[in-house]
Amino acid sequence: MAAVTARAIMIQGTMSGAGKSLLVAGLCRIFAQDGYRVAPFKSQNMALNSAICADGAEIGRAQAMQAEAAGIEPESAMNPVLLKPTSDTGSQVIVKGRPIGTMAAREYFAYKRNLVPAIMECYRDLASRFDVIVIEGAGSPAEINLKSDDIVNMGVAKRVGAPVLLVGDIDRGGVFAQLAGTMMLLDDDERALVKATVVNKFRGDPEILAPGLRQLESLTGVPVAGVVPYTDADIDEEDSQSERLERRRADVLVDAAVVRLPHLSNYTDFSALDAIEGVGVRYVRNPRDLGSPDLLIVPGTKSTLSDLRWMRESGMEALVKRLAERGTSLIGVCGGYQMLGREVSDPDGVEGAGSLAGLGLLPVRTRFASDKRQVRACGRVTARSGIAAGVSGARIEGYEIHMGETFLDDPAAEPFCMLRSSEGERADGCVAGNVCGTYLHGLFDSPEFTERLVRGLFRAKGLSAEAVRAFDMGAYRARQYDELACAVRSGLDMGLVGRILEEGV
């Protein structure tokens, strides 16, 4: 087995949403800027927002983002265990990038200790190839009901010998109670691993906090490593709790509405669309708020059958069908594509068995299977009619993550595109007038496709499309990582962080 050589530092938080993912990304960027070979690591992640690595492995979107911030390719070792919720009490369990089954919460709690060898194998692999590993915890280490056999917070810090920075979110209020209370609930050996605290997401003059910070140091017995300012850096976040889903823009010429499904996955598919000047992407949960968008998107979901029932019972299905009948441009992605067809069947019980009629807007049928397709792909739009007429021939790329296969139900039906991957070439998707569907996540990150689609939407409203330009998302993200790194550097005592990294535990 390769020797462990990397130095490690771990970011744990007082709660979910304390900003751990962004701080890890910021530190990855800083260490990379300073000449270190750095990699992120999160032993267990729970998120519906995932990414596909070059070898087809699936990991949490946050770790893929952190790898990008570090200037490296994401890989499964960075997130050895990913839980994708399929219900309020169960999740699909993905280990080293591949699904091993679906477990109820209690079943997984009893099983998780079996994952420690895989987690440690992944960590040692990374540590043998990088100088620094920035580790992210999950939730809070003070969740005393979950501390038994912990594999993501203090359990990891102990196993790899990582010093911990404990982060609290001042934007939500009560940050001193968060940090002091968390330290109080830790065991003595756990408390010894915490080398400093961090106040995150601060708006205002840090000097105002000085008296409280001094008292906090007295209460916790460790220094405050800094006060990190609230940043507006546009970085892909971990899951669908993102503030982005609540965002509204005033400067909208073209309105794109995304149905906010209960099990919405990979909502970052639409970031590039939202970045185009004059285009506003909004996420709609209540049918009353749907209105009359210029573009309607039914996105991916981890639970197609469950969310299809929700569409039907909430009244969203009727409104979507009515808009489609009026000629509104409609795109379904992955699970959304499946819903737009004539039927979704689950004979093997992948999502609980049974079948449901789809919205009937595309002449396709979907059959679930236990094998999961995980692959990066690229190709071109081949459809020439309807919504695809203005984008025919456009280059596209992205990735597929799905457990169903969709078949054209009409010999005359027109596939949306032709895709190439490591598994060969195949037709994907379907177009029927103003409605189309595809399995390709990340479609809107393809500049040629998105620019031509949006120009068509502008022209349909009688607006000039000359100024419409798709974003260079790679360059844009690089600037955002630099902005994040600048904010983290300005707020943290990097000298102290460096000493903690060097000294370890």
Foldseek 3Di string as FASTA:
>chain_A
DFAQAAFEAEEFELFPPLCLLLLLLLVLLVVLVVPWFEAEAFAEEEAQAWAAFQVLFIAFPSRQLSCVSNVHTDFLLRYQWYWQDLDPFKTFIGGRRHTPGMDGNVVCLVVVLVCQVSNVVSVRVVSSPTHYYYYYAHTHCLPVVSVVSDDGPLVVCVVVQHAYEYGGEPVVHDRLCSLLVSLVSDDPVSLVSHAAYEYEADDDDCVVCVVVQVVSCVSSVHHHQFYFHRDPQDTDDGYPVDCLQVDDDDQAPAEEEEEPFPQAHNPVLCVLLCPWGRYHYYYDDQLVPPPQGQEYEYEDGPALVVRQVVCVVRVVLVVVVVNVVVPRQYEYEASRLQQQEQKEAECPCSSYGDMDGHSHNAQKHKYFDPDWAGWKKKWFFCDCAALCVQRHGAIFIAIATGRMDMDRNDPPWDFGTWIQTPVGIDTFWTDDHSYIYGHGRSRCQRFSRSLSSVCVSCVVVVHHSPPTGGDNVSVSSNVSSVSSNVSSVVTGPVVSVVVCSVVRD
